[in-house]
């Protein structure tokens, strides 16, 4: 802790998720001299991989903290604002964090981390206990925390449902510096229809259930596209085996992480995307698919559907595939595609991302000063 005490750090990014893509983009943000003084920013993470990536990106003021349970307690006294990238309630109970420390924190949700705060339906002892704890967590969070979400309607709907429609939210994107400058060529003309299922290899993506729904299209001219850059190896093998059993050689598995421009070009080859997790995930992929006017299917009772419906756009439900013909499955009206592009297809510029952080800091300063 000696380093943080003697440093000039005012603002600290707490990187709670062990992933290589999003959090490290914040390094480029704090290096933007038009908005920030880099020496005033620090990074702390409990994950060795993230720590190594921060070093590779040339970040200054990096701390590797093995005990993630005490990061807020240990660092809050020495900085003005902590940006918590995901909240891990299993490791850090919000009820045990001091109010004065929590008031310095900005919770940038990753979607899944909201569930410990959500009221469940039912009347079992376990559910009643969860709901009591969830109520206490929500009450403290609303009193002390500042909330930041992804820059679209999905997390906005979820947070307002959990914390109330009047909750103040900042849209804090992880867009990379070059994202808004990417120009995509016209989609390639091809005979086969390429169908994307999911965007990673986790059981929450429900791949095998989706493949079951698509089985009736096995004789059509299709390519089933899977992405296994992230996920569980055993689950990936199960999904690949299931897909190849139904579609044979018509299965394409993307195993290598692509640079953003190449990933966008890859998405431009997709005709229909099925984002098959019911939780708030694949939001960046949804942005690009919408910008490219691709047809996207989601579960009708999932977070993505709630956000799309809230935005006034047509919800293509996975549950409807079972009654569709192939032509109905791939058809996507221009008006509906344009609505999705307008609602979800905006890619924030680096200037907009920086200005949001400035706005959050200014707001926190007012809150901490009692204004």
Protein backbone atom coordinates (compact mmCIF):
# COMPACT_ATOMS: atom_id res chain seq x y z
CA UNK A 1 0.00 0.00 0.00
CA UNK A 2 3.04 2.28 0.25
CA UNK A 3 2.89 3.03 -3.49
CA UNK A 4 -0.69 4.29 -3.49
CA UNK A 5 -0.01 6.49 -0.45
CA UNK A 6 2.90 8.23 -2.12
CA UNK A 7 1.40 8.47 -5.61
CA UNK A 8 -0.47 11.30 -7.30
CA UNK A 9 -3.39 8.99 -8.12
CA UNK A 10 -6.84 10.55 -7.79
CA UNK A 11 -8.87 8.07 -9.84
CA UNK A 12 -8.60 4.29 -9.71
CA UNK A 13 -9.99 1.68 -12.13
CA UNK A 14 -10.73 -1.55 -10.22
CA UNK A 15 -10.71 -4.33 -12.83
CA UNK A 16 -12.64 -7.22 -11.28
CA UNK A 17 -13.14 -9.38 -14.40
CA UNK A 18 -10.42 -11.69 -15.73
CA UNK A 19 -10.77 -10.86 -19.42
CA UNK A 20 -8.33 -9.56 -22.05
CA UNK A 21 -10.44 -7.32 -24.25
CA UNK A 22 -12.49 -4.56 -22.64
CA UNK A 23 -10.91 -3.29 -19.43
CA UNK A 24 -7.45 -2.76 -20.93
CA UNK A 25 -8.95 -0.30 -23.43
CA UNK A 26 -9.18 2.11 -20.51
CA UNK A 27 -5.42 2.56 -20.76
CA UNK A 28 -5.83 4.37 -24.09
CA UNK A 29 -8.56 6.51 -22.53
CA UNK A 30 -6.47 7.80 -19.60
CA UNK A 31 -3.55 8.46 -21.96
CA UNK A 32 -5.69 11.02 -23.85
CA UNK A 33 -3.91 14.23 -22.85
CA UNK A 34 -6.76 16.39 -24.13
CA UNK A 35 -8.91 15.14 -21.25
CA UNK A 36 -6.75 13.54 -18.55
CA UNK A 37 -3.47 13.67 -16.69
CA UNK A 38 -2.22 10.10 -16.86
CA UNK A 39 -0.32 10.30 -13.54
CA UNK A 40 -3.66 10.87 -11.77
CA UNK A 41 -5.03 7.50 -12.90
CA UNK A 42 -4.30 4.04 -11.56
CA UNK A 43 -5.35 0.45 -12.15
CA UNK A 44 -5.77 -2.35 -9.62
CA UNK A 45 -6.75 -5.94 -10.39
CA UNK A 46 -6.66 -9.32 -8.65
CA UNK A 47 -5.93 -11.07 -11.96
CA UNK A 48 -2.36 -11.74 -13.13
CA UNK A 49 -3.39 -11.93 -16.81
CA UNK A 50 -5.05 -8.50 -16.69
CA UNK A 51 -2.05 -7.08 -14.82
CA UNK A 52 0.31 -8.36 -17.54
CA UNK A 53 -1.86 -6.91 -20.29
CA UNK A 54 -1.91 -3.53 -18.58
CA UNK A 55 1.89 -3.58 -18.55
CA UNK A 56 1.94 -4.49 -22.26
CA UNK A 57 -0.39 -1.55 -22.98
CA UNK A 58 2.02 0.81 -21.23
CA UNK A 59 -0.21 1.68 -18.30
CA UNK A 60 1.26 3.57 -15.37
CA UNK A 61 0.39 3.05 -11.70
CA UNK A 62 -0.64 -0.61 -11.83
CA UNK A 63 -1.33 -2.66 -8.69
CA UNK A 64 -1.77 -6.42 -8.48
CA UNK A 65 -3.92 -7.15 -5.44
CA UNK A 66 -4.42 -10.85 -4.76
CA UNK A 67 -7.07 -10.27 -2.10
CA UNK A 68 -9.93 -8.72 -4.06
CA UNK A 69 -12.09 -8.68 -0.93
CA UNK A 70 -10.19 -5.76 0.58
CA UNK A 71 -9.47 -3.59 -2.48
CA UNK A 72 -12.12 -0.96 -1.68
CA UNK A 73 -11.17 -0.79 2.02
CA UNK A 74 -7.46 -0.59 1.23
CA UNK A 75 -7.51 1.93 -1.63
CA UNK A 76 -10.53 4.20 -1.08
CA UNK A 77 -8.88 6.33 1.64
CA UNK A 78 -6.16 7.43 -0.80
CA UNK A 79 -8.12 8.33 -3.96
CA UNK A 80 -11.04 10.56 -4.94
CA UNK A 81 -13.02 8.14 -7.13
CA UNK A 82 -12.95 4.37 -7.69
CA UNK A 83 -14.41 2.95 -10.90
CA UNK A 84 -15.53 -0.61 -10.09
CA UNK A 85 -15.68 -2.61 -13.30
CA UNK A 86 -18.22 -5.29 -12.31
CA UNK A 87 -19.34 -5.96 -8.75
CA UNK A 88 -18.56 -9.39 -7.30
CA UNK A 89 -21.03 -9.68 -4.42
CA UNK A 90 -19.74 -13.17 -3.64
CA UNK A 91 -16.33 -11.74 -2.77
CA UNK A 92 -17.19 -8.23 -1.62
CA UNK A 93 -20.52 -7.85 0.17
CA UNK A 94 -21.80 -4.34 -0.35
CA UNK A 95 -23.29 -4.47 3.16
CA UNK A 96 -19.81 -4.78 4.67
CA UNK A 97 -18.25 -1.84 2.81
CA UNK A 98 -18.07 1.44 4.74
CA UNK A 99 -20.52 4.06 3.48
CA UNK A 100 -17.81 6.72 3.26
CA UNK A 101 -15.75 4.45 0.99
CA UNK A 102 -18.71 3.32 -1.08
CA UNK A 103 -19.68 6.93 -1.80
CA UNK A 104 -16.39 7.29 -3.68
CA UNK A 105 -17.31 4.36 -5.96
CA UNK A 106 -18.78 4.18 -9.45
CA UNK A 107 -20.20 0.76 -10.29
CA UNK A 108 -19.83 0.03 -14.00
CA UNK A 109 -22.07 -3.00 -14.36
CA UNK A 110 -21.28 -5.98 -16.56
CA UNK A 111 -24.92 -7.10 -16.54
CA UNK A 112 -24.54 -10.41 -14.71
CA UNK A 113 -23.39 -8.67 -11.53
CA UNK A 114 -26.86 -7.17 -10.94
CA UNK A 115 -28.51 -10.49 -10.03
CA UNK A 116 -27.65 -10.50 -6.29
CA UNK A 117 -29.68 -7.26 -6.13
CA UNK A 118 -32.73 -8.63 -8.00
CA UNK A 119 -35.91 -9.72 -6.22
CA UNK A 120 -36.83 -13.33 -6.99
CA UNK A 121 -40.31 -14.78 -7.34
CA UNK A 122 -41.54 -17.48 -4.93
CA UNK A 123 -42.01 -18.09 -1.22
CA UNK A 124 -39.42 -20.67 -0.14
CA UNK A 125 -37.15 -19.90 2.80
CA UNK A 126 -34.16 -19.56 0.46
CA UNK A 127 -36.00 -17.10 -1.80
CA UNK A 128 -37.27 -15.05 1.14
CA UNK A 129 -33.74 -14.86 2.56
CA UNK A 130 -32.35 -13.83 -0.83
CA UNK A 131 -35.02 -11.14 -1.26
CA UNK A 132 -34.31 -9.67 2.17
CA UNK A 133 -30.60 -9.47 1.39
CA UNK A 134 -31.33 -8.13 -2.10
CA UNK A 135 -33.49 -5.38 -0.61
CA UNK A 136 -30.76 -4.38 1.84
CA UNK A 137 -28.17 -4.41 -0.97
CA UNK A 138 -30.35 -2.24 -3.22
CA UNK A 139 -31.04 0.24 -0.43
CA UNK A 140 -27.35 0.70 0.33
CA UNK A 141 -26.36 0.81 -3.34
CA UNK A 142 -28.91 3.54 -4.11
CA UNK A 143 -27.78 5.53 -1.08
CA UNK A 144 -24.05 5.38 -1.74
CA UNK A 145 -23.11 4.28 -5.27
CA UNK A 146 -23.07 5.96 -8.65
CA UNK A 147 -24.16 3.68 -11.50
CA UNK A 148 -22.63 3.37 -14.97
CA UNK A 149 -23.90 1.07 -17.73
CA UNK A 150 -23.23 0.07 -21.32
CA UNK A 151 -24.20 2.64 -23.92
CA UNK A 152 -27.49 1.06 -25.01
CA UNK A 153 -30.96 0.28 -23.70
CA UNK A 154 -30.35 -3.26 -22.40
CA UNK A 155 -28.64 -2.41 -19.10
CA UNK A 156 -30.73 0.76 -18.78
CA UNK A 157 -33.93 -1.28 -18.70
CA UNK A 158 -32.44 -3.79 -16.29
CA UNK A 159 -31.12 -1.19 -13.86
CA UNK A 160 -34.35 0.78 -13.84
CA UNK A 161 -36.29 -2.40 -13.18
CA UNK A 162 -34.05 -3.27 -10.22
CA UNK A 163 -33.26 0.16 -8.74
CA UNK A 164 -36.26 2.22 -9.84
CA UNK A 165 -37.13 4.17 -12.98
CA UNK A 166 -35.70 7.43 -11.61
CA UNK A 167 -32.23 6.03 -10.89
CA UNK A 168 -29.43 8.19 -12.35
CA UNK A 169 -27.33 6.31 -14.90
CA UNK A 170 -24.20 7.22 -16.83
CA UNK A 171 -23.51 5.41 -20.12
CA UNK A 172 -19.85 4.43 -19.87
CA UNK A 173 -18.69 2.58 -23.00
CA UNK A 174 -15.63 0.39 -23.49
CA UNK A 175 -15.41 1.45 -27.13
CA UNK A 176 -11.83 1.37 -28.38
CA UNK A 177 -10.19 4.48 -29.75
CA UNK A 178 -10.54 3.39 -33.37
CA UNK A 179 -14.06 1.92 -33.10
CA UNK A 180 -15.99 4.89 -34.45
CA UNK A 181 -13.55 5.26 -37.34
CA UNK A 182 -14.05 1.75 -38.72
CA UNK A 183 -15.50 1.73 -42.21
CA UNK A 184 -17.12 -1.47 -43.39
CA UNK A 185 -17.33 -2.43 -47.03
CA UNK A 186 -20.52 -3.74 -48.56
CA UNK A 187 -21.52 -7.17 -47.30
CA UNK A 188 -20.23 -9.93 -49.58
CA UNK A 189 -22.71 -11.56 -51.96
CA UNK A 190 -22.83 -15.31 -51.39
CA UNK A 191 -25.13 -18.21 -52.01
CA UNK A 192 -25.17 -19.74 -48.53
CA UNK A 193 -26.69 -18.06 -45.49
CA UNK A 194 -24.32 -17.74 -42.56
CA UNK A 195 -25.95 -18.14 -39.13
CA UNK A 196 -24.10 -17.03 -36.00
CA UNK A 197 -25.01 -18.75 -32.72
CA UNK A 198 -23.82 -16.99 -29.55
CA UNK A 199 -20.60 -15.04 -29.12
CA UNK A 200 -18.66 -17.27 -26.69
CA UNK A 201 -18.65 -20.84 -25.31
CA UNK A 202 -20.44 -20.65 -21.98
CA UNK A 203 -23.46 -22.80 -21.02
CA UNK A 204 -25.53 -19.63 -20.56
CA UNK A 205 -25.44 -19.26 -24.37
CA UNK A 206 -27.78 -22.26 -24.79
CA UNK A 207 -26.11 -23.36 -28.06
CA UNK A 208 -27.47 -26.90 -28.11
CA UNK A 209 -31.05 -25.76 -27.62
CA UNK A 210 -30.68 -23.31 -30.51
CA UNK A 211 -29.15 -26.00 -32.74
CA UNK A 212 -32.17 -28.16 -31.95
CA UNK A 213 -34.45 -25.35 -33.17
CA UNK A 214 -32.39 -24.95 -36.36
CA UNK A 215 -32.28 -28.68 -37.14
CA UNK A 216 -35.16 -28.38 -39.60
CA UNK A 217 -32.94 -26.12 -41.76
CA UNK A 218 -30.12 -28.67 -41.99
CA UNK A 219 -30.77 -29.28 -45.70
CA UNK A 220 -30.75 -25.59 -46.55
CA UNK A 221 -27.65 -23.86 -47.91
CA UNK A 222 -26.37 -22.59 -44.57
CA UNK A 223 -23.16 -22.26 -42.59
CA UNK A 224 -23.47 -22.50 -38.81
CA UNK A 225 -20.90 -20.15 -37.28
CA UNK A 226 -19.70 -20.51 -33.69
CA UNK A 227 -17.22 -18.43 -31.67
CA UNK A 228 -15.04 -20.22 -29.12
CA UNK A 229 -12.49 -17.51 -28.31
CA UNK A 230 -13.85 -17.40 -24.76
CA UNK A 231 -15.55 -20.06 -22.71
CA UNK A 232 -15.30 -23.56 -21.28
CA UNK A 233 -13.43 -26.21 -23.28
CA UNK A 234 -15.66 -29.13 -22.29
CA UNK A 235 -18.78 -27.18 -23.16
CA UNK A 236 -17.23 -26.14 -26.48
CA UNK A 237 -16.60 -29.78 -27.39
CA UNK A 238 -20.20 -30.65 -26.59
CA UNK A 239 -21.50 -27.81 -28.76
CA UNK A 240 -19.22 -28.65 -31.71
CA UNK A 241 -20.21 -32.32 -31.51
CA UNK A 242 -23.91 -31.42 -31.46
CA UNK A 243 -23.60 -28.94 -34.33
CA UNK A 244 -21.62 -31.33 -36.55
CA UNK A 245 -24.06 -34.14 -35.86
CA UNK A 246 -26.88 -32.00 -37.24
CA UNK A 247 -25.12 -29.89 -39.89
CA UNK A 248 -22.08 -31.99 -40.80
CA UNK A 249 -19.40 -29.98 -42.56
CA UNK A 250 -21.56 -26.84 -42.54
CA UNK A 251 -20.05 -25.75 -39.21
CA UNK A 252 -17.44 -23.01 -38.89
CA UNK A 253 -15.81 -22.42 -35.51
CA UNK A 254 -13.91 -19.15 -34.92
CA UNK A 255 -11.16 -19.91 -32.39
CA UNK A 256 -8.83 -16.93 -32.74
CA UNK A 257 -9.53 -13.55 -31.21
CA UNK A 258 -9.73 -11.02 -34.01
CA UNK A 259 -8.69 -7.36 -33.94
CA UNK A 260 -11.78 -5.17 -33.79
CA UNK A 261 -11.79 -4.21 -37.48
CA UNK A 262 -11.48 -7.85 -38.53
CA UNK A 263 -14.20 -8.85 -36.06
CA UNK A 264 -16.54 -6.27 -37.57
CA UNK A 265 -15.71 -7.52 -41.07
CA UNK A 266 -16.47 -11.04 -39.84
CA UNK A 267 -19.85 -9.91 -38.49
CA UNK A 268 -20.56 -8.34 -41.86
CA UNK A 269 -20.47 -11.84 -43.41
CA UNK A 270 -23.28 -12.98 -41.08
CA UNK A 271 -26.85 -13.08 -42.37
CA UNK A 272 -28.66 -14.03 -39.17
CA UNK A 273 -27.30 -13.83 -35.61
CA UNK A 274 -28.77 -15.68 -32.64
CA UNK A 275 -27.62 -14.11 -29.36
CA UNK A 276 -28.80 -16.92 -27.17
CA UNK A 277 -28.00 -15.86 -23.62
CA UNK A 278 -30.92 -14.66 -21.52
CA UNK A 279 -28.67 -12.36 -19.50
CA UNK A 280 -27.13 -9.02 -20.37
CA UNK A 281 -24.22 -10.05 -22.60
CA UNK A 282 -22.86 -9.61 -26.13
CA UNK A 283 -23.82 -5.92 -26.00
CA UNK A 284 -20.85 -4.85 -28.12
CA UNK A 285 -21.68 -7.52 -30.68
CA UNK A 286 -25.31 -6.32 -30.68
CA UNK A 287 -24.10 -2.78 -31.44
CA UNK A 288 -22.16 -3.87 -34.52
CA UNK A 289 -24.80 -6.30 -35.77
CA UNK A 290 -27.37 -3.50 -35.50
CA UNK A 291 -25.08 -1.02 -37.24
CA UNK A 292 -24.62 -3.55 -40.05
CA UNK A 293 -28.41 -4.12 -40.21
CA UNK A 294 -28.17 -7.85 -39.49
CA UNK A 295 -31.18 -9.78 -38.26
CA UNK A 296 -30.75 -10.72 -34.60
CA UNK A 297 -32.74 -13.32 -32.65
CA UNK A 298 -32.93 -13.27 -28.84
CA UNK A 299 -34.92 -15.10 -26.17
CA UNK A 300 -38.26 -13.39 -25.63
CA UNK A 301 -37.91 -13.41 -21.84
CA UNK A 302 -34.28 -12.30 -21.76
CA UNK A 303 -32.49 -9.03 -21.01
CA UNK A 304 -31.73 -8.31 -24.68
CA UNK A 305 -35.40 -8.65 -25.63
CA UNK A 306 -36.40 -6.28 -22.84
CA UNK A 307 -33.96 -3.66 -24.11
CA UNK A 308 -34.96 -4.05 -27.76
CA UNK A 309 -38.64 -3.83 -26.87
CA UNK A 310 -38.01 -0.75 -24.69
CA UNK A 311 -36.34 0.93 -27.68
CA UNK A 312 -39.48 0.35 -29.77
CA UNK A 313 -37.82 -2.12 -32.13
CA UNK A 314 -39.06 -5.47 -33.40
CA UNK A 315 -38.01 -8.38 -31.20
CA UNK A 316 -37.08 -11.49 -33.21
CA UNK A 317 -37.68 -14.27 -30.70
CA UNK A 318 -35.79 -17.54 -30.72
CA UNK A 319 -39.00 -19.20 -29.58
CA UNK A 320 -40.62 -18.29 -32.94
CA UNK A 321 -38.10 -20.22 -35.04
CA UNK A 322 -39.92 -23.52 -34.49
CA UNK A 323 -42.92 -22.29 -36.51
CA UNK A 324 -41.03 -20.42 -39.22
CA UNK A 325 -40.16 -21.43 -42.75
CA UNK A 326 -36.57 -20.84 -43.81
CA UNK A 327 -37.54 -17.78 -45.83
CA UNK A 328 -39.36 -16.33 -42.82
CA UNK A 329 -36.37 -17.10 -40.64
CA UNK A 330 -33.92 -15.09 -42.77
CA UNK A 331 -36.28 -12.28 -43.90
CA UNK A 332 -35.54 -8.88 -42.35
CA UNK A 333 -37.56 -5.82 -43.35
CA UNK A 334 -35.54 -2.69 -44.15
CA UNK A 335 -37.68 -0.53 -41.82
CA UNK A 336 -37.05 -2.87 -38.89
CA UNK A 337 -33.34 -3.06 -39.68
CA UNK A 338 -33.08 0.74 -39.77
CA UNK A 339 -34.88 1.08 -36.42
CA UNK A 340 -32.40 -1.31 -34.81
CA UNK A 341 -29.50 0.60 -36.35
CA UNK A 342 -30.84 3.90 -35.03
CA UNK A 343 -31.47 2.52 -31.53
CA UNK A 344 -28.45 0.24 -31.02
CA UNK A 345 -25.96 0.86 -33.82
CA UNK A 346 -24.22 3.98 -32.53
CA UNK A 347 -20.52 3.52 -31.81
CA UNK A 348 -19.24 6.18 -29.41
CA UNK A 349 -16.18 8.20 -30.36
CA UNK A 350 -13.17 8.32 -28.06
CA UNK A 351 -14.09 11.95 -27.29
CA UNK A 352 -17.58 10.91 -26.17
CA UNK A 353 -16.14 8.14 -23.98
CA UNK A 354 -13.71 10.56 -22.35
CA UNK A 355 -16.37 13.20 -21.79
CA UNK A 356 -18.61 10.68 -20.03
CA UNK A 357 -15.83 9.92 -17.55
CA UNK A 358 -15.35 13.65 -16.97
CA UNK A 359 -19.09 14.01 -16.33
CA UNK A 360 -19.02 11.13 -13.84
CA UNK A 361 -16.09 12.63 -11.93
CA UNK A 362 -17.76 16.05 -11.78
CA UNK A 363 -20.97 14.45 -10.52
CA UNK A 364 -19.10 12.47 -7.85
CA UNK A 365 -17.33 15.61 -6.67
CA UNK A 366 -20.70 17.31 -6.18
CA UNK A 367 -22.08 14.30 -4.31
CA UNK A 368 -19.04 14.04 -2.05
CA UNK A 369 -19.20 17.78 -1.36
CA UNK A 370 -22.86 17.47 -0.41
CA UNK A 371 -24.16 19.59 -3.28
